[in-house]
C-alpha atoms as a PDB file:
ATOM      1  CA  MET A   1       9.331  57.448  25.473  1.00  0.00           C
ATOM      2  CA  SER A   2      10.708  57.195  28.969  1.00  0.00           C
ATOM      3  CA  HIS A   3      13.809  55.606  30.332  1.00  0.00           C
ATOM      4  CA  SER A   4      14.288  53.480  33.422  1.00  0.00           C
ATOM      5  CA  PRO A   5      15.214  55.323  36.603  1.00  0.00           C
ATOM      6  CA  LEU A   6      18.774  54.422  37.551  1.00  0.00           C
ATOM      7  CA  SER A   7      20.066  53.766  41.024  1.00  0.00           C
ATOM      8  CA  ASP A   8      23.532  53.020  42.359  1.00  0.00           C
ATOM      9  CA  ASP A   9      22.740  49.356  41.598  1.00  0.00           C
ATOM     10  CA  HIS A  10      22.972  50.069  37.848  1.00  0.00           C
ATOM     11  CA  PRO A  11      26.527  50.336  36.508  1.00  0.00           C
ATOM     12  CA  ARG A  12      27.588  53.267  34.349  1.00  0.00           C
ATOM     13  CA  TRP A  13      30.493  53.180  31.895  1.00  0.00           C
ATOM     14  CA  SER A  14      32.407  55.776  33.907  1.00  0.00           C
ATOM     15  CA  GLN A  15      32.320  53.477  36.951  1.00  0.00           C
ATOM     16  CA  LEU A  16      33.809  50.416  35.232  1.00  0.00           C
ATOM     17  CA  SER A  17      37.370  49.233  35.698  1.00  0.00           C
ATOM     18  CA  ALA A  18      39.607  48.700  32.667  1.00  0.00           C
ATOM     19  CA  ARG A  19      39.067  44.928  33.050  1.00  0.00           C
ATOM     20  CA  GLN A  20      35.296  45.365  33.061  1.00  0.00           C
ATOM     21  CA  ARG A  21      35.425  47.704  30.057  1.00  0.00           C
ATOM     22  CA  ALA A  22      37.470  45.133  28.140  1.00  0.00           C
ATOM     23  CA  LEU A  23      34.468  42.794  28.251  1.00  0.00           C
ATOM     24  CA  PHE A  24      32.706  45.168  25.850  1.00  0.00           C
ATOM     25  CA  GLY A  25      35.739  46.041  23.753  1.00  0.00           C
ATOM     26  CA  ASN A  26      35.054  44.882  20.212  1.00  0.00           C
ATOM     27  CA  GLY A  27      35.003  48.323  18.611  1.00  0.00           C
ATOM     28  CA  CYS A  28      32.385  49.337  16.080  1.00  0.00           C
ATOM     29  CA  GLY A  29      29.884  46.895  14.638  1.00  0.00           C
ATOM     30  CA  ALA A  30      27.975  43.999  16.114  1.00  0.00           C
ATOM     31  CA  LYS A  31      30.059  41.363  17.875  1.00  0.00           C
ATOM     32  CA  GLY A  32      30.229  38.439  15.487  1.00  0.00           C
ATOM     33  CA  GLY A  33      28.269  40.414  12.891  1.00  0.00           C
ATOM     34  CA  ARG A  34      28.692  40.015   9.146  1.00  0.00           C
ATOM     35  CA  PHE A  35      29.435  43.705   8.653  1.00  0.00           C
ATOM     36  CA  ASN A  36      31.871  45.519  10.874  1.00  0.00           C
ATOM     37  CA  PRO A  37      32.420  49.128   9.880  1.00  0.00           C
ATOM     38  CA  PRO A  38      35.816  50.728  10.394  1.00  0.00           C
ATOM     39  CA  ASP A  39      36.464  52.111  13.871  1.00  0.00           C
ATOM     40  CA  PHE A  40      38.112  55.293  12.575  1.00  0.00           C
ATOM     41  CA  LEU A  41      38.630  57.141  15.848  1.00  0.00           C
ATOM     42  CA  PHE A  42      35.344  55.914  17.395  1.00  0.00           C
ATOM     43  CA  GLU A  43      36.539  52.681  19.024  1.00  0.00           C
ATOM     44  CA  ALA A  44      36.104  53.872  22.639  1.00  0.00           C
ATOM     45  CA  SER A  45      32.713  55.413  21.824  1.00  0.00           C
ATOM     46  CA  CYS A  46      31.615  52.148  20.182  1.00  0.00           C
ATOM     47  CA  ASP A  47      32.761  50.104  23.194  1.00  0.00           C
ATOM     48  CA  GLN A  48      30.794  52.384  25.531  1.00  0.00           C
ATOM     49  CA  HIS A  49      27.718  52.053  23.300  1.00  0.00           C
ATOM     50  CA  ASP A  50      28.103  48.253  23.345  1.00  0.00           C
ATOM     51  CA  PHE A  51      28.090  48.369  27.152  1.00  0.00           C
ATOM     52  CA  TYR A  52      24.862  50.367  27.259  1.00  0.00           C
ATOM     53  CA  TYR A  53      23.249  47.950  24.798  1.00  0.00           C
ATOM     54  CA  TRP A  54      24.331  45.055  27.038  1.00  0.00           C
ATOM     55  CA  ARG A  55      22.999  46.869  30.119  1.00  0.00           C
ATOM     56  CA  GLY A  56      19.698  47.317  28.289  1.00  0.00           C
ATOM     57  CA  GLY A  57      16.412  48.630  29.608  1.00  0.00           C
ATOM     58  CA  THR A  58      13.479  50.239  27.853  1.00  0.00           C
ATOM     59  CA  GLU A  59      13.217  51.858  24.417  1.00  0.00           C
ATOM     60  CA  GLY A  60      13.887  55.142  26.197  1.00  0.00           C
ATOM     61  CA  ASP A  61      17.144  53.708  27.559  1.00  0.00           C
ATOM     62  CA  ARG A  62      18.094  52.616  24.041  1.00  0.00           C
ATOM     63  CA  ALA A  63      17.373  56.111  22.671  1.00  0.00           C
ATOM     64  CA  MET A  64      19.570  57.598  25.430  1.00  0.00           C
ATOM     65  CA  ALA A  65      22.366  55.126  24.645  1.00  0.00           C
ATOM     66  CA  ASP A  66      22.200  56.036  20.957  1.00  0.00           C
ATOM     67  CA  ALA A  67      22.092  59.783  21.647  1.00  0.00           C
ATOM     68  CA  GLY A  68      25.099  59.416  23.966  1.00  0.00           C
ATOM     69  CA  PHE A  69      26.881  57.439  21.266  1.00  0.00           C
ATOM     70  CA  PHE A  70      26.281  60.177  18.704  1.00  0.00           C
ATOM     71  CA  ALA A  71      27.451  62.893  21.103  1.00  0.00           C
ATOM     72  CA  ALA A  72      30.618  60.916  21.954  1.00  0.00           C
ATOM     73  CA  MET A  73      31.456  60.377  18.273  1.00  0.00           C
ATOM     74  CA  ARG A  74      30.943  64.075  17.537  1.00  0.00           C
ATOM     75  CA  ARG A  75      33.413  64.871  20.339  1.00  0.00           C
ATOM     76  CA  ASP A  76      35.796  62.315  18.819  1.00  0.00           C
ATOM     77  CA  ALA A  77      35.451  64.032  15.424  1.00  0.00           C
ATOM     78  CA  LEU A  78      36.545  67.339  16.973  1.00  0.00           C
ATOM     79  CA  ARG A  79      39.859  65.692  17.892  1.00  0.00           C
ATOM     80  CA  SER A  80      40.585  64.709  14.297  1.00  0.00           C
ATOM     81  CA  PRO A  81      42.762  66.842  12.012  1.00  0.00           C
ATOM     82  CA  LEU A  82      40.866  69.810  10.634  1.00  0.00           C
ATOM     83  CA  HIS A  83      40.881  68.506   7.061  1.00  0.00           C
ATOM     84  CA  LEU A  84      39.206  65.219   8.228  1.00  0.00           C
ATOM     85  CA  ARG A  85      36.602  66.628  10.606  1.00  0.00           C
ATOM     86  CA  TRP A  86      33.875  66.867   7.971  1.00  0.00           C
ATOM     87  CA  PHE A  87      34.436  63.194   7.119  1.00  0.00           C
ATOM     88  CA  HIS A  88      34.394  62.022  10.756  1.00  0.00           C
ATOM     89  CA  ARG A  89      31.314  64.116  11.558  1.00  0.00           C
ATOM     90  CA  GLY A  90      29.577  62.546   8.572  1.00  0.00           C
ATOM     91  CA  ALA A  91      30.667  59.060   9.624  1.00  0.00           C
ATOM     92  CA  ALA A  92      29.336  59.731  13.148  1.00  0.00           C
ATOM     93  CA  ARG A  93      25.942  60.617  11.689  1.00  0.00           C
ATOM     94  CA  VAL A  94      25.888  57.481   9.509  1.00  0.00           C
ATOM     95  CA  TYR A  95      26.842  55.262  12.486  1.00  0.00           C
ATOM     96  CA  TYR A  96      24.161  56.891  14.642  1.00  0.00           C
ATOM     97  CA  LEU A  97      21.483  56.435  11.963  1.00  0.00           C
ATOM     98  CA  ALA A  98      22.575  52.818  11.501  1.00  0.00           C
ATOM     99  CA  VAL A  99      22.175  51.940  15.194  1.00  0.00           C
ATOM    100  CA  ARG A 100      18.806  53.685  15.319  1.00  0.00           C
ATOM    101  CA  ARG A 101      17.607  51.745  12.273  1.00  0.00           C
ATOM    102  CA  TRP A 102      19.207  48.321  12.755  1.00  0.00           C
ATOM    103  CA  GLY A 103      20.473  48.193  16.340  1.00  0.00           C
ATOM    104  CA  GLY A 104      17.264  47.170  18.076  1.00  0.00           C
ATOM    105  CA  ALA A 105      17.954  43.449  17.788  1.00  0.00           C
ATOM    106  CA  ALA A 106      21.226  43.889  19.715  1.00  0.00           C
ATOM    107  CA  PHE A 107      19.674  45.887  22.574  1.00  0.00           C
ATOM    108  CA  SER A 108      18.820  43.996  25.775  1.00  0.00           C
ATOM    109  CA  TYR A 109      15.184  45.035  26.226  1.00  0.00           C
ATOM    110  CA  ARG A 110      14.040  44.599  29.830  1.00  0.00           C
ATOM    111  CA  MET A 111      11.981  46.416  32.442  1.00  0.00           C
ATOM    112  CA  GLU A 112      15.082  47.925  34.012  1.00  0.00           C
ATOM    113  CA  PRO A 113      18.788  48.028  33.124  1.00  0.00           C
ATOM    114  CA  LYS A 114      21.093  45.275  34.331  1.00  0.00           C
ATOM    115  CA  ARG A 115      22.680  45.668  37.732  1.00  0.00           C
ATOM    116  CA  TRP A 116      26.179  45.277  39.167  1.00  0.00           C
ATOM    117  CA  ASP A 117      25.380  41.642  39.998  1.00  0.00           C
ATOM    118  CA  ASP A 118      24.661  40.992  36.314  1.00  0.00           C
ATOM    119  CA  LEU A 119      28.047  42.482  35.430  1.00  0.00           C
ATOM    120  CA  ARG A 120      29.787  40.270  38.004  1.00  0.00           C
ATOM    121  CA  VAL A 121      28.154  37.182  36.471  1.00  0.00           C
ATOM    122  CA  ALA A 122      29.140  38.297  32.957  1.00  0.00           C
ATOM    123  CA  MET A 123      32.742  38.744  34.135  1.00  0.00           C
ATOM    124  CA  GLU A 124      32.775  35.266  35.720  1.00  0.00           C
ATOM    125  CA  VAL A 125      31.345  33.648  32.585  1.00  0.00           C
ATOM    126  CA  ASN A 126      33.857  35.495  30.410  1.00  0.00           C
ATOM    127  CA  GLU A 127      36.793  34.454  32.602  1.00  0.00           C
ATOM    128  CA  GLY A 128      35.593  30.890  33.217  1.00  0.00           C
END
């Protein structure tokens, strides 16, 4: 399973402005989905994962997005109070397994990830 090679034409979460990030800010769960799990302390990690699912690419890109999501939630769990860490680490694993099992329909499969121009169009549509 390989992922698409990225160039400077492909946006990364760390490069987005707060306004651009807000476009993907619905927290955990599928936008408009019937089941939206609690955010706990994973809201920012879920928003970032939503961005990478929007950006899309190959199955390898999806696997990287999901692995990054899991790693981010595990870091989030380390920030929780000691007596809740076991719970948040467990929740992170459940959320990761859920996106691996049921997240494929939400991923934007394409030959290569979306580019900055695609993000500009999405921003215009959202604001218009």
